[in-house]
Amino acid sequence: MHSETVNPLTLEEHRQLGRELNAMNGRMRELAQLVLAVYGPNNHASFTFLKTATSIERLCQDMQAQLAVDYPGYSVEKFYL
């Protein structure tokens, strides 16, 4: 899945997307914990919330890695994490 990015997001677009994904990541974690507390760990909804929260966290990690590829040599730590 490694392909050269012809037209990457700008640094400002990465910043904006990072803010949005970080907010979504935090909120999904909160919601997953709420559903887990109400329905317990063996509930399908709890399981799906936890999987979704994990997927969003992984997306943030992948976008942070992509940012490093798009802008090598720039100080771009923690845009998405």
N, C-alpha and C. Protein backbone atom coordinates (compact mmCIF):
# COMPACT_ATOMS: atom_id res chain seq x y z
N MET A 1 0.80 -1.20 0.00
CA MET A 1 0.00 0.00 0.00
C MET A 1 0.84 1.26 0.00
N HIS A 2 2.10 1.16 -0.27
CA HIS A 2 2.95 2.33 -0.32
C HIS A 2 2.90 2.92 -1.72
N SER A 3 2.34 4.11 -1.80
CA SER A 3 2.33 4.81 -3.08
C SER A 3 2.77 6.24 -2.85
N GLU A 4 3.37 6.80 -3.83
CA GLU A 4 3.84 8.17 -3.73
C GLU A 4 2.66 9.12 -3.77
N THR A 5 2.62 10.04 -2.81
CA THR A 5 1.56 11.03 -2.76
C THR A 5 1.92 12.17 -3.69
N VAL A 6 1.12 12.35 -4.72
CA VAL A 6 1.39 13.38 -5.70
C VAL A 6 1.03 14.75 -5.15
N ASN A 7 -0.09 14.84 -4.45
CA ASN A 7 -0.57 16.12 -3.95
C ASN A 7 -1.03 15.94 -2.51
N PRO A 8 -0.10 15.95 -1.54
CA PRO A 8 -0.48 15.68 -0.15
C PRO A 8 -1.29 16.81 0.45
N LEU A 9 -1.92 16.53 1.59
CA LEU A 9 -2.59 17.59 2.34
C LEU A 9 -1.56 18.64 2.73
N THR A 10 -1.99 19.87 2.83
CA THR A 10 -1.10 20.92 3.31
C THR A 10 -0.91 20.75 4.81
N LEU A 11 0.09 21.43 5.35
CA LEU A 11 0.29 21.37 6.80
C LEU A 11 -0.94 21.88 7.55
N GLU A 12 -1.55 22.93 7.05
CA GLU A 12 -2.76 23.46 7.70
C GLU A 12 -3.91 22.46 7.62
N GLU A 13 -4.05 21.79 6.50
CA GLU A 13 -5.09 20.76 6.38
C GLU A 13 -4.83 19.61 7.36
N HIS A 14 -3.56 19.22 7.50
CA HIS A 14 -3.21 18.20 8.48
C HIS A 14 -3.55 18.68 9.89
N ARG A 15 -3.25 19.94 10.20
CA ARG A 15 -3.57 20.48 11.52
C ARG A 15 -5.07 20.41 11.79
N GLN A 16 -5.86 20.86 10.83
CA GLN A 16 -7.32 20.85 10.99
C GLN A 16 -7.85 19.43 11.13
N LEU A 17 -7.39 18.54 10.27
CA LEU A 17 -7.83 17.15 10.34
C LEU A 17 -7.39 16.52 11.66
N GLY A 18 -6.19 16.84 12.11
CA GLY A 18 -5.70 16.34 13.38
C GLY A 18 -6.58 16.78 14.54
N ARG A 19 -6.97 18.04 14.55
CA ARG A 19 -7.87 18.53 15.61
C ARG A 19 -9.19 17.78 15.59
N GLU A 20 -9.75 17.59 14.40
CA GLU A 20 -11.03 16.89 14.27
C GLU A 20 -10.92 15.43 14.71
N LEU A 21 -9.88 14.76 14.24
CA LEU A 21 -9.72 13.34 14.60
C LEU A 21 -9.41 13.17 16.09
N ASN A 22 -8.62 14.07 16.67
CA ASN A 22 -8.35 14.00 18.10
C ASN A 22 -9.63 14.17 18.91
N ALA A 23 -10.46 15.12 18.51
CA ALA A 23 -11.73 15.33 19.21
C ALA A 23 -12.62 14.10 19.08
N MET A 24 -12.71 13.55 17.87
CA MET A 24 -13.52 12.36 17.64
C MET A 24 -12.97 11.18 18.43
N ASN A 25 -11.66 11.04 18.47
CA ASN A 25 -11.03 9.95 19.19
C ASN A 25 -11.38 10.02 20.68
N GLY A 26 -11.25 11.19 21.26
CA GLY A 26 -11.57 11.36 22.68
C GLY A 26 -13.03 11.10 22.97
N ARG A 27 -13.90 11.63 22.14
CA ARG A 27 -15.34 11.44 22.35
C ARG A 27 -15.75 9.99 22.18
N MET A 28 -15.19 9.31 21.18
CA MET A 28 -15.53 7.90 20.98
C MET A 28 -15.08 7.06 22.15
N ARG A 29 -13.92 7.36 22.71
CA ARG A 29 -13.44 6.64 23.90
C ARG A 29 -14.41 6.84 25.06
N GLU A 30 -14.88 8.09 25.25
CA GLU A 30 -15.84 8.37 26.32
C GLU A 30 -17.14 7.59 26.11
N LEU A 31 -17.65 7.61 24.89
CA LEU A 31 -18.89 6.90 24.59
C LEU A 31 -18.73 5.40 24.76
N ALA A 32 -17.59 4.87 24.34
CA ALA A 32 -17.35 3.44 24.48
C ALA A 32 -17.34 3.05 25.96
N GLN A 33 -16.71 3.87 26.79
CA GLN A 33 -16.67 3.57 28.22
C GLN A 33 -18.06 3.66 28.84
N LEU A 34 -18.86 4.61 28.38
CA LEU A 34 -20.24 4.73 28.88
C LEU A 34 -21.06 3.50 28.53
N VAL A 35 -21.03 3.10 27.27
CA VAL A 35 -21.79 1.93 26.83
C VAL A 35 -21.28 0.67 27.54
N LEU A 36 -20.01 0.56 27.70
CA LEU A 36 -19.42 -0.57 28.40
C LEU A 36 -19.90 -0.61 29.86
N ALA A 37 -19.93 0.55 30.51
CA ALA A 37 -20.38 0.61 31.91
C ALA A 37 -21.86 0.25 32.04
N VAL A 38 -22.66 0.64 31.07
CA VAL A 38 -24.10 0.38 31.13
C VAL A 38 -24.43 -1.06 30.75
N TYR A 39 -23.84 -1.56 29.68
CA TYR A 39 -24.24 -2.86 29.13
C TYR A 39 -23.27 -4.00 29.42
N GLY A 40 -22.09 -3.66 29.88
CA GLY A 40 -21.13 -4.70 30.21
C GLY A 40 -20.28 -5.14 29.04
N PRO A 41 -19.22 -5.91 29.32
CA PRO A 41 -18.24 -6.27 28.30
C PRO A 41 -18.72 -7.35 27.32
N ASN A 42 -19.78 -8.06 27.63
CA ASN A 42 -20.24 -9.13 26.75
C ASN A 42 -21.38 -8.71 25.83
N ASN A 43 -21.62 -7.42 25.73
CA ASN A 43 -22.70 -6.89 24.90
C ASN A 43 -22.16 -6.55 23.51
N HIS A 44 -22.98 -6.80 22.48
CA HIS A 44 -22.56 -6.52 21.10
C HIS A 44 -22.29 -5.02 20.88
N ALA A 45 -23.14 -4.17 21.42
CA ALA A 45 -22.94 -2.73 21.25
C ALA A 45 -21.64 -2.29 21.92
N SER A 46 -21.38 -2.81 23.12
CA SER A 46 -20.13 -2.48 23.82
C SER A 46 -18.92 -2.90 22.99
N PHE A 47 -18.99 -4.10 22.46
CA PHE A 47 -17.90 -4.62 21.63
C PHE A 47 -17.67 -3.73 20.41
N THR A 48 -18.75 -3.34 19.75
CA THR A 48 -18.63 -2.52 18.54
C THR A 48 -18.10 -1.13 18.87
N PHE A 49 -18.56 -0.55 19.97
CA PHE A 49 -18.02 0.75 20.39
C PHE A 49 -16.52 0.66 20.64
N LEU A 50 -16.08 -0.37 21.34
CA LEU A 50 -14.66 -0.52 21.61
C LEU A 50 -13.85 -0.73 20.33
N LYS A 51 -14.38 -1.54 19.41
CA LYS A 51 -13.69 -1.74 18.13
C LYS A 51 -13.61 -0.44 17.33
N THR A 52 -14.69 0.33 17.36
CA THR A 52 -14.71 1.61 16.65
C THR A 52 -13.71 2.58 17.26
N ALA A 53 -13.67 2.65 18.59
CA ALA A 53 -12.71 3.52 19.26
C ALA A 53 -11.28 3.12 18.92
N THR A 54 -11.03 1.82 18.90
CA THR A 54 -9.70 1.32 18.55
C THR A 54 -9.36 1.67 17.10
N SER A 55 -10.32 1.57 16.21
CA SER A 55 -10.10 1.90 14.80
C SER A 55 -9.79 3.38 14.60
N ILE A 56 -10.49 4.25 15.32
CA ILE A 56 -10.23 5.69 15.21
C ILE A 56 -8.84 6.00 15.74
N GLU A 57 -8.46 5.36 16.84
CA GLU A 57 -7.11 5.55 17.37
C GLU A 57 -6.06 5.11 16.35
N ARG A 58 -6.30 4.00 15.70
CA ARG A 58 -5.39 3.51 14.66
C ARG A 58 -5.32 4.48 13.48
N LEU A 59 -6.47 5.04 13.11
CA LEU A 59 -6.51 6.03 12.04
C LEU A 59 -5.64 7.23 12.40
N CYS A 60 -5.72 7.69 13.64
CA CYS A 60 -4.88 8.81 14.08
C CYS A 60 -3.40 8.46 13.95
N GLN A 61 -3.03 7.25 14.35
CA GLN A 61 -1.64 6.81 14.23
C GLN A 61 -1.21 6.74 12.76
N ASP A 62 -2.08 6.22 11.91
CA ASP A 62 -1.76 6.13 10.48
C ASP A 62 -1.62 7.51 9.85
N MET A 63 -2.49 8.44 10.24
CA MET A 63 -2.39 9.80 9.69
C MET A 63 -1.13 10.51 10.19
N GLN A 64 -0.72 10.23 11.43
CA GLN A 64 0.52 10.81 11.94
C GLN A 64 1.70 10.29 11.13
N ALA A 65 1.68 9.00 10.81
CA ALA A 65 2.74 8.41 9.99
C ALA A 65 2.72 9.01 8.58
N GLN A 66 1.53 9.21 8.02
CA GLN A 66 1.41 9.80 6.69
C GLN A 66 1.95 11.23 6.68
N LEU A 67 1.66 11.97 7.72
CA LEU A 67 2.16 13.34 7.83
C LEU A 67 3.68 13.37 7.81
N ALA A 68 4.30 12.44 8.51
CA ALA A 68 5.77 12.37 8.52
C ALA A 68 6.31 12.06 7.12
N VAL A 69 5.59 11.26 6.36
CA VAL A 69 5.99 10.95 4.98
C VAL A 69 5.79 12.17 4.09
N ASP A 70 4.65 12.87 4.28
CA ASP A 70 4.34 14.03 3.44
C ASP A 70 5.29 15.19 3.68
N TYR A 71 5.78 15.33 4.93
CA TYR A 71 6.62 16.48 5.29
C TYR A 71 7.86 16.04 6.06
N PRO A 72 8.75 15.30 5.39
CA PRO A 72 9.97 14.87 6.08
C PRO A 72 10.82 16.09 6.45
N GLY A 73 11.40 16.01 7.64
CA GLY A 73 12.25 17.11 8.09
C GLY A 73 11.51 18.22 8.81
N TYR A 74 10.19 18.23 8.74
CA TYR A 74 9.40 19.23 9.46
C TYR A 74 9.10 18.73 10.86
N SER A 75 8.92 19.64 11.79
CA SER A 75 8.52 19.28 13.15
C SER A 75 7.00 19.10 13.16
N VAL A 76 6.56 17.86 13.04
CA VAL A 76 5.13 17.58 12.90
C VAL A 76 4.64 16.59 13.96
N GLU A 77 5.32 16.54 15.10
CA GLU A 77 4.91 15.63 16.14
C GLU A 77 3.54 16.02 16.68
N LYS A 78 2.78 15.03 17.01
CA LYS A 78 1.52 15.18 17.74
C LYS A 78 0.44 15.96 17.01
N PHE A 79 0.43 15.96 15.71
CA PHE A 79 -0.70 16.54 14.99
C PHE A 79 -1.94 15.67 15.22
N TYR A 80 -1.74 14.38 15.20
CA TYR A 80 -2.86 13.44 15.29
C TYR A 80 -2.87 12.65 16.59
N LEU A 81 -1.81 12.72 17.38
CA LEU A 81 -1.72 11.91 18.60
C LEU A 81 -1.81 12.76 19.84
